[in-house]
Amino acid sequence: MVTDEKPTTSTAPAGDAGLRRVVRANVLAVVFEVAVPMALFYGLRAAGVSQWWALMAGVLVAAPFAVWTIVRNRRVDLIALVTLSVLVLSVVLGLLSDDPRTLAIREGWTAALGGLFGAWMLVTVVVGRPAQLTLGRTIAEIKRGAEGAAAWAARWDTDARFRHGLRVNTAVWGAVLLVNAAVHVVLVYLLPIDLISLVTTVVWFASLGCLIAWHVWYIRKEGIDA
C-alpha cells in the first residue's frame, strides 16, 4: 500500500553525537592543557629539574595540542584563542626573564581572562540580554537541533520566569568567575613557585565543580535548561 506520509527522522542521535563531541573535546583540553603539563612539572621537579625549565616544559607540551585543535576545526574559537594567548605570553616571558615567578604570571593571565568574561556576563544581566541566553541557545542547538534551539530562545519574549532565571544564572556565573580571578591572581603572587600550579588548579576546578552543580540544580528547578 502506498501512502503520502513522509518518513520521519529523529534529531536526537545527531544531538547526542554532537554533545558527546563537545564533552570529548573538553576532556581532551583538560588532559593536554592542565593534567599533562602539571604532571610533567611535578615529575621534572622530583627529578631535580629547575622550576623555570619545569614550567616551560608544560608550555611546550600544551602548544602542539592547541595548534592541532585549530587545524582540526579550521577556525580559532574563544577557547583556542585563550590557550594561544597564554602560550604566547608564556614564551615571551620565558625569553625575557629566567625568573620562574615571572613565567608563572601566565596563571594570573588565564584567571584575568576568566575574570573579564565574568565581568562581561554581569554587564549583560543589566544591559541587553544575559549571556546565558546566547550560550544556552548554542547548547540547545547541539542537543535539540536548530528548531529546538529557536523554540527555547523564543521563551525569552513570553516567559517572565524564563527571563528571571537566565538573569540570575548569568549573574551567579559572572560573580563566581570574577571572584575566582581575583583569588587566582593573589595566589600566584603569594604561593611558593612549586605550589602555584597545583593550588590554583585545585581552587579553579573546585569553584567550577560547585558552580556547575549549582547551575544544573537551578536550571532544572526553574525549568530553563536548554
C-alpha atoms as a PDB file:
ATOM      1  CA  MET A   1       0.000   0.000   0.000  1.00  0.00           C
ATOM      2  CA  VAL A   2       1.338   3.446  -0.935  1.00  0.00           C
ATOM      3  CA  THR A   3       0.882   6.328   1.486  1.00  0.00           C
ATOM      4  CA  ASP A   4       1.617  10.036   1.341  1.00  0.00           C
ATOM      5  CA  GLU A   5       3.314  10.016   4.713  1.00  0.00           C
ATOM      6  CA  LYS A   6       6.912  11.162   4.718  1.00  0.00           C
ATOM      7  CA  PRO A   7       9.449   9.234   6.736  1.00  0.00           C
ATOM      8  CA  THR A   8      10.323  10.960   9.944  1.00  0.00           C
ATOM      9  CA  THR A   9      13.855  11.438  11.113  1.00  0.00           C
ATOM     10  CA  SER A  10      14.971  11.994  14.660  1.00  0.00           C
ATOM     11  CA  THR A  11      17.487  14.648  15.558  1.00  0.00           C
ATOM     12  CA  ALA A  12      18.163  13.022  18.932  1.00  0.00           C
ATOM     13  CA  PRO A  13      21.022  10.769  17.769  1.00  0.00           C
ATOM     14  CA  ALA A  14      22.696  13.655  15.964  1.00  0.00           C
ATOM     15  CA  GLY A  15      22.211  15.863  19.009  1.00  0.00           C
ATOM     16  CA  ASP A  16      23.620  13.193  21.308  1.00  0.00           C
ATOM     17  CA  ALA A  17      26.599  12.721  18.993  1.00  0.00           C
ATOM     18  CA  GLY A  18      27.228  16.468  18.939  1.00  0.00           C
ATOM     19  CA  LEU A  19      27.014  16.644  22.720  1.00  0.00           C
ATOM     20  CA  ARG A  20      29.452  13.743  23.042  1.00  0.00           C
ATOM     21  CA  ARG A  21      31.883  15.537  20.727  1.00  0.00           C
ATOM     22  CA  VAL A  22      31.704  18.667  22.880  1.00  0.00           C
ATOM     23  CA  VAL A  23      32.290  16.663  26.077  1.00  0.00           C
ATOM     24  CA  ARG A  24      35.153  14.713  24.481  1.00  0.00           C
ATOM     25  CA  ALA A  25      36.811  17.916  23.244  1.00  0.00           C
ATOM     26  CA  ASN A  26      36.631  19.484  26.707  1.00  0.00           C
ATOM     27  CA  VAL A  27      38.011  16.367  28.367  1.00  0.00           C
ATOM     28  CA  LEU A  28      40.929  16.339  25.926  1.00  0.00           C
ATOM     29  CA  ALA A  29      41.559  20.032  26.618  1.00  0.00           C
ATOM     30  CA  VAL A  30      41.706  19.407  30.365  1.00  0.00           C
ATOM     31  CA  VAL A  31      44.043  16.443  29.891  1.00  0.00           C
ATOM     32  CA  PHE A  32      46.509  18.070  27.490  1.00  0.00           C
ATOM     33  CA  GLU A  33      46.365  21.649  28.759  1.00  0.00           C
ATOM     34  CA  VAL A  34      46.114  21.023  32.508  1.00  0.00           C
ATOM     35  CA  ALA A  35      46.750  17.446  33.652  1.00  0.00           C
ATOM     36  CA  VAL A  36      49.736  16.585  31.427  1.00  0.00           C
ATOM     37  CA  PRO A  37      51.622  19.892  31.971  1.00  0.00           C
ATOM     38  CA  MET A  38      51.042  19.641  35.734  1.00  0.00           C
ATOM     39  CA  ALA A  39      52.205  16.026  35.877  1.00  0.00           C
ATOM     40  CA  LEU A  40      55.242  16.937  33.790  1.00  0.00           C
ATOM     41  CA  PHE A  41      56.068  19.893  36.035  1.00  0.00           C
ATOM     42  CA  TYR A  42      56.000  17.897  39.261  1.00  0.00           C
ATOM     43  CA  GLY A  43      57.716  14.935  37.620  1.00  0.00           C
ATOM     44  CA  LEU A  44      60.585  17.121  36.438  1.00  0.00           C
ATOM     45  CA  ARG A  45      60.804  18.884  39.795  1.00  0.00           C
ATOM     46  CA  ALA A  46      61.048  15.488  41.523  1.00  0.00           C
ATOM     47  CA  ALA A  47      63.861  14.627  39.100  1.00  0.00           C
ATOM     48  CA  GLY A  48      65.728  17.772  40.141  1.00  0.00           C
ATOM     49  CA  VAL A  49      64.946  19.980  37.124  1.00  0.00           C
ATOM     50  CA  SER A  50      64.813  23.723  37.836  1.00  0.00           C
ATOM     51  CA  GLN A  51      61.480  25.468  38.340  1.00  0.00           C
ATOM     52  CA  TRP A  52      61.889  27.562  35.190  1.00  0.00           C
ATOM     53  CA  TRP A  53      62.515  24.622  32.872  1.00  0.00           C
ATOM     54  CA  ALA A  54      59.779  22.554  34.522  1.00  0.00           C
ATOM     55  CA  LEU A  55      57.285  25.358  33.904  1.00  0.00           C
ATOM     56  CA  MET A  56      58.461  25.881  30.326  1.00  0.00           C
ATOM     57  CA  ALA A  57      58.174  22.139  29.621  1.00  0.00           C
ATOM     58  CA  GLY A  58      54.465  22.331  30.406  1.00  0.00           C
ATOM     59  CA  VAL A  59      54.068  25.175  27.912  1.00  0.00           C
ATOM     60  CA  LEU A  60      55.872  23.230  25.182  1.00  0.00           C
ATOM     61  CA  VAL A  61      53.675  20.186  25.780  1.00  0.00           C
ATOM     62  CA  ALA A  62      50.408  22.157  25.635  1.00  0.00           C
ATOM     63  CA  ALA A  63      51.334  24.046  22.457  1.00  0.00           C
ATOM     64  CA  PRO A  64      51.013  21.122  19.965  1.00  0.00           C
ATOM     65  CA  PHE A  65      47.510  20.302  21.238  1.00  0.00           C
ATOM     66  CA  ALA A  66      46.371  23.902  20.806  1.00  0.00           C
ATOM     67  CA  VAL A  67      47.727  24.010  17.249  1.00  0.00           C
ATOM     68  CA  TRP A  68      46.164  20.618  16.444  1.00  0.00           C
ATOM     69  CA  THR A  69      42.778  21.846  17.717  1.00  0.00           C
ATOM     70  CA  ILE A  70      42.890  24.876  15.431  1.00  0.00           C
ATOM     71  CA  VAL A  71      43.977  22.829  12.404  1.00  0.00           C
ATOM     72  CA  ARG A  72      41.293  20.205  13.041  1.00  0.00           C
ATOM     73  CA  ASN A  73      38.479  22.748  13.474  1.00  0.00           C
ATOM     74  CA  ARG A  74      39.853  25.058  10.766  1.00  0.00           C
ATOM     75  CA  ARG A  75      38.968  28.041  12.895  1.00  0.00           C
ATOM     76  CA  VAL A  76      40.152  29.834  16.032  1.00  0.00           C
ATOM     77  CA  ASP A  77      37.375  29.758  18.620  1.00  0.00           C
ATOM     78  CA  LEU A  78      37.340  31.501  22.000  1.00  0.00           C
ATOM     79  CA  ILE A  79      38.939  28.626  23.914  1.00  0.00           C
ATOM     80  CA  ALA A  80      41.693  28.215  21.326  1.00  0.00           C
ATOM     81  CA  LEU A  81      42.308  31.967  21.372  1.00  0.00           C
ATOM     82  CA  VAL A  82      42.684  31.986  25.160  1.00  0.00           C
ATOM     83  CA  THR A  83      45.015  28.988  25.039  1.00  0.00           C
ATOM     84  CA  LEU A  84      47.178  30.567  22.348  1.00  0.00           C
ATOM     85  CA  SER A  85      47.354  33.877  24.202  1.00  0.00           C
ATOM     86  CA  VAL A  86      48.531  32.079  27.350  1.00  0.00           C
ATOM     87  CA  LEU A  87      51.156  30.095  25.412  1.00  0.00           C
ATOM     88  CA  VAL A  88      52.451  33.167  23.588  1.00  0.00           C
ATOM     89  CA  LEU A  89      52.622  35.123  26.840  1.00  0.00           C
ATOM     90  CA  SER A  90      54.499  32.250  28.482  1.00  0.00           C
ATOM     91  CA  VAL A  91      57.083  32.052  25.697  1.00  0.00           C
ATOM     92  CA  VAL A  92      57.607  35.831  25.660  1.00  0.00           C
ATOM     93  CA  LEU A  93      58.028  35.954  29.431  1.00  0.00           C
ATOM     94  CA  GLY A  94      60.335  32.953  29.279  1.00  0.00           C
ATOM     95  CA  LEU A  95      62.572  34.707  26.755  1.00  0.00           C
ATOM     96  CA  LEU A  96      62.608  37.951  28.720  1.00  0.00           C
ATOM     97  CA  SER A  97      63.352  36.511  32.134  1.00  0.00           C
ATOM     98  CA  ASP A  98      64.666  33.345  33.726  1.00  0.00           C
ATOM     99  CA  ASP A  99      62.721  34.070  36.933  1.00  0.00           C
ATOM    100  CA  PRO A 100      60.222  31.216  37.414  1.00  0.00           C
ATOM    101  CA  ARG A 101      57.730  33.503  39.179  1.00  0.00           C
ATOM    102  CA  THR A 102      57.667  35.744  36.123  1.00  0.00           C
ATOM    103  CA  LEU A 103      56.872  32.716  33.973  1.00  0.00           C
ATOM    104  CA  ALA A 104      54.139  31.743  36.447  1.00  0.00           C
ATOM    105  CA  ILE A 105      52.377  35.055  35.745  1.00  0.00           C
ATOM    106  CA  ARG A 106      50.639  33.187  32.920  1.00  0.00           C
ATOM    107  CA  GLU A 107      48.499  31.570  35.618  1.00  0.00           C
ATOM    108  CA  GLY A 108      47.278  35.029  36.565  1.00  0.00           C
ATOM    109  CA  TRP A 109      46.723  35.878  32.897  1.00  0.00           C
ATOM    110  CA  THR A 110      44.430  32.894  32.464  1.00  0.00           C
ATOM    111  CA  ALA A 111      42.465  33.903  35.540  1.00  0.00           C
ATOM    112  CA  ALA A 112      42.296  37.507  34.374  1.00  0.00           C
ATOM    113  CA  LEU A 113      40.696  36.411  31.095  1.00  0.00           C
ATOM    114  CA  GLY A 114      38.177  34.385  33.085  1.00  0.00           C
ATOM    115  CA  GLY A 115      37.515  37.445  35.220  1.00  0.00           C
ATOM    116  CA  LEU A 116      36.924  39.599  32.150  1.00  0.00           C
ATOM    117  CA  PHE A 117      34.473  37.017  30.849  1.00  0.00           C
ATOM    118  CA  GLY A 118      32.738  37.044  34.233  1.00  0.00           C
ATOM    119  CA  ALA A 119      32.558  40.845  34.209  1.00  0.00           C
ATOM    120  CA  TRP A 120      31.056  40.746  30.713  1.00  0.00           C
ATOM    121  CA  MET A 121      28.430  38.269  31.918  1.00  0.00           C
ATOM    122  CA  LEU A 122      27.493  40.601  34.772  1.00  0.00           C
ATOM    123  CA  VAL A 123      27.146  43.517  32.362  1.00  0.00           C
ATOM    124  CA  THR A 124      24.815  41.510  30.121  1.00  0.00           C
ATOM    125  CA  VAL A 125      22.482  40.975  33.076  1.00  0.00           C
ATOM    126  CA  VAL A 126      21.598  44.679  33.110  1.00  0.00           C
ATOM    127  CA  VAL A 127      22.397  45.659  29.513  1.00  0.00           C
ATOM    128  CA  GLY A 128      20.651  43.839  26.692  1.00  0.00           C
ATOM    129  CA  ARG A 129      20.090  40.119  27.107  1.00  0.00           C
ATOM    130  CA  PRO A 130      22.015  37.886  29.535  1.00  0.00           C
ATOM    131  CA  ALA A 131      24.952  35.883  28.223  1.00  0.00           C
ATOM    132  CA  GLN A 132      23.301  32.625  29.239  1.00  0.00           C
ATOM    133  CA  LEU A 133      20.652  33.180  26.569  1.00  0.00           C
ATOM    134  CA  THR A 134      23.306  33.090  23.838  1.00  0.00           C
ATOM    135  CA  LEU A 135      25.339  30.313  25.437  1.00  0.00           C
ATOM    136  CA  GLY A 136      22.227  28.295  26.203  1.00  0.00           C
ATOM    137  CA  ARG A 137      20.996  28.546  22.639  1.00  0.00           C
ATOM    138  CA  THR A 138      24.279  27.066  21.409  1.00  0.00           C
ATOM    139  CA  ILE A 139      23.878  24.131  23.790  1.00  0.00           C
ATOM    140  CA  ALA A 140      20.222  23.728  22.834  1.00  0.00           C
ATOM    141  CA  GLU A 141      21.173  23.552  19.159  1.00  0.00           C
ATOM    142  CA  ILE A 142      23.616  20.736  19.890  1.00  0.00           C
ATOM    143  CA  LYS A 143      21.001  18.843  21.899  1.00  0.00           C
ATOM    144  CA  ARG A 144      17.785  19.660  20.017  1.00  0.00           C
ATOM    145  CA  GLY A 145      18.749  20.988  16.615  1.00  0.00           C
ATOM    146  CA  ALA A 146      18.125  24.450  15.148  1.00  0.00           C
ATOM    147  CA  GLU A 147      14.339  24.364  15.561  1.00  0.00           C
ATOM    148  CA  GLY A 148      14.526  23.222  19.164  1.00  0.00           C
ATOM    149  CA  ALA A 149      17.089  25.906  19.964  1.00  0.00           C
ATOM    150  CA  ALA A 150      14.919  28.593  18.372  1.00  0.00           C
ATOM    151  CA  ALA A 151      11.889  27.437  20.380  1.00  0.00           C
ATOM    152  CA  TRP A 152      13.933  27.501  23.597  1.00  0.00           C
ATOM    153  CA  ALA A 153      15.268  31.009  22.939  1.00  0.00           C
ATOM    154  CA  ALA A 154      11.791  32.265  21.950  1.00  0.00           C
ATOM    155  CA  ARG A 155      10.661  31.751  25.550  1.00  0.00           C
ATOM    156  CA  TRP A 156      12.554  34.947  26.380  1.00  0.00           C
ATOM    157  CA  ASP A 157       9.794  37.010  24.745  1.00  0.00           C
ATOM    158  CA  THR A 158       6.874  35.342  26.507  1.00  0.00           C
ATOM    159  CA  ASP A 159       8.025  33.774  29.784  1.00  0.00           C
ATOM    160  CA  ALA A 160       8.883  36.098  32.701  1.00  0.00           C
ATOM    161  CA  ARG A 161      10.178  33.217  34.843  1.00  0.00           C
ATOM    162  CA  PHE A 162      12.479  32.196  31.998  1.00  0.00           C
ATOM    163  CA  ARG A 163      13.910  35.736  31.786  1.00  0.00           C
ATOM    164  CA  HIS A 164      14.394  35.959  35.555  1.00  0.00           C
ATOM    165  CA  GLY A 165      16.052  32.539  35.709  1.00  0.00           C
ATOM    166  CA  LEU A 166      18.537  33.341  32.947  1.00  0.00           C
ATOM    167  CA  ARG A 167      19.439  36.658  34.582  1.00  0.00           C
ATOM    168  CA  VAL A 168      20.046  35.015  37.964  1.00  0.00           C
ATOM    169  CA  ASN A 169      22.059  32.172  36.418  1.00  0.00           C
ATOM    170  CA  THR A 170      24.180  34.586  34.383  1.00  0.00           C
ATOM    171  CA  ALA A 171      24.794  36.805  37.418  1.00  0.00           C
ATOM    172  CA  VAL A 172      25.969  33.848  39.521  1.00  0.00           C
ATOM    173  CA  TRP A 173      28.342  32.635  36.802  1.00  0.00           C
ATOM    174  CA  GLY A 174      29.736  36.126  36.304  1.00  0.00           C
ATOM    175  CA  ALA A 175      30.245  36.766  40.010  1.00  0.00           C
ATOM    176  CA  VAL A 176      31.965  33.419  40.648  1.00  0.00           C
ATOM    177  CA  LEU A 177      34.296  33.828  37.653  1.00  0.00           C
ATOM    178  CA  LEU A 178      35.189  37.363  38.726  1.00  0.00           C
ATOM    179  CA  VAL A 179      35.897  36.415  42.354  1.00  0.00           C
ATOM    180  CA  ASN A 180      37.852  33.336  41.282  1.00  0.00           C
ATOM    181  CA  ALA A 181      40.011  35.513  39.021  1.00  0.00           C
ATOM    182  CA  ALA A 182      40.861  37.840  41.906  1.00  0.00           C
ATOM    183  CA  VAL A 183      41.724  34.915  44.201  1.00  0.00           C
ATOM    184  CA  HIS A 184      43.741  33.254  41.445  1.00  0.00           C
ATOM    185  CA  VAL A 185      45.945  36.291  40.806  1.00  0.00           C
ATOM    186  CA  VAL A 186      46.571  36.790  44.538  1.00  0.00           C
ATOM    187  CA  LEU A 187      47.603  33.139  44.928  1.00  0.00           C
ATOM    188  CA  VAL A 188      50.111  33.443  42.077  1.00  0.00           C
ATOM    189  CA  TYR A 189      51.984  36.144  43.977  1.00  0.00           C
ATOM    190  CA  LEU A 190      51.672  34.661  47.470  1.00  0.00           C
ATOM    191  CA  LEU A 191      52.318  30.938  46.978  1.00  0.00           C
ATOM    192  CA  PRO A 192      55.712  29.254  46.646  1.00  0.00           C
ATOM    193  CA  ILE A 193      56.514  28.556  42.978  1.00  0.00           C
ATOM    194  CA  ASP A 194      56.167  24.790  43.363  1.00  0.00           C
ATOM    195  CA  LEU A 195      52.633  25.121  44.728  1.00  0.00           C
ATOM    196  CA  ILE A 196      51.190  27.640  42.266  1.00  0.00           C
ATOM    197  CA  SER A 197      50.144  25.178  39.572  1.00  0.00           C
ATOM    198  CA  LEU A 198      48.650  22.654  41.997  1.00  0.00           C
ATOM    199  CA  VAL A 199      46.796  25.053  44.304  1.00  0.00           C
ATOM    200  CA  THR A 200      45.405  27.334  41.599  1.00  0.00           C
ATOM    201  CA  THR A 201      44.224  24.346  39.557  1.00  0.00           C
ATOM    202  CA  VAL A 202      42.542  22.751  42.579  1.00  0.00           C
ATOM    203  CA  VAL A 203      40.868  26.052  43.503  1.00  0.00           C
ATOM    204  CA  TRP A 204      39.688  26.553  39.920  1.00  0.00           C
ATOM    205  CA  PHE A 205      38.217  23.077  39.500  1.00  0.00           C
ATOM    206  CA  ALA A 206      36.647  23.185  42.968  1.00  0.00           C
ATOM    207  CA  SER A 207      34.980  26.502  42.098  1.00  0.00           C
ATOM    208  CA  LEU A 208      33.939  25.229  38.693  1.00  0.00           C
ATOM    209  CA  GLY A 209      32.565  21.994  40.155  1.00  0.00           C
ATOM    210  CA  CYS A 210      30.441  23.864  42.686  1.00  0.00           C
ATOM    211  CA  LEU A 211      29.292  26.286  40.001  1.00  0.00           C
ATOM    212  CA  ILE A 212      28.269  23.517  37.598  1.00  0.00           C
ATOM    213  CA  ALA A 213      26.451  21.633  40.365  1.00  0.00           C
ATOM    214  CA  TRP A 214      24.507  24.776  41.269  1.00  0.00           C
ATOM    215  CA  HIS A 215      23.867  25.506  37.582  1.00  0.00           C
ATOM    216  CA  VAL A 216      22.400  22.061  36.899  1.00  0.00           C
ATOM    217  CA  TRP A 217      20.208  22.225  40.024  1.00  0.00           C
ATOM    218  CA  TYR A 218      18.987  25.746  39.329  1.00  0.00           C
ATOM    219  CA  ILE A 219      18.112  25.416  35.648  1.00  0.00           C
ATOM    220  CA  ARG A 220      16.168  22.232  36.357  1.00  0.00           C
ATOM    221  CA  LYS A 221      14.413  23.849  39.313  1.00  0.00           C
ATOM    222  CA  GLU A 222      13.416  26.847  37.179  1.00  0.00           C
ATOM    223  CA  GLY A 223      12.713  24.807  34.047  1.00  0.00           C
ATOM    224  CA  ILE A 224      15.141  26.793  31.889  1.00  0.00           C
ATOM    225  CA  ASP A 225      17.522  24.028  30.821  1.00  0.00           C
ATOM    226  CA  ALA A 226      18.494  24.254  27.163  1.00  0.00           C
END
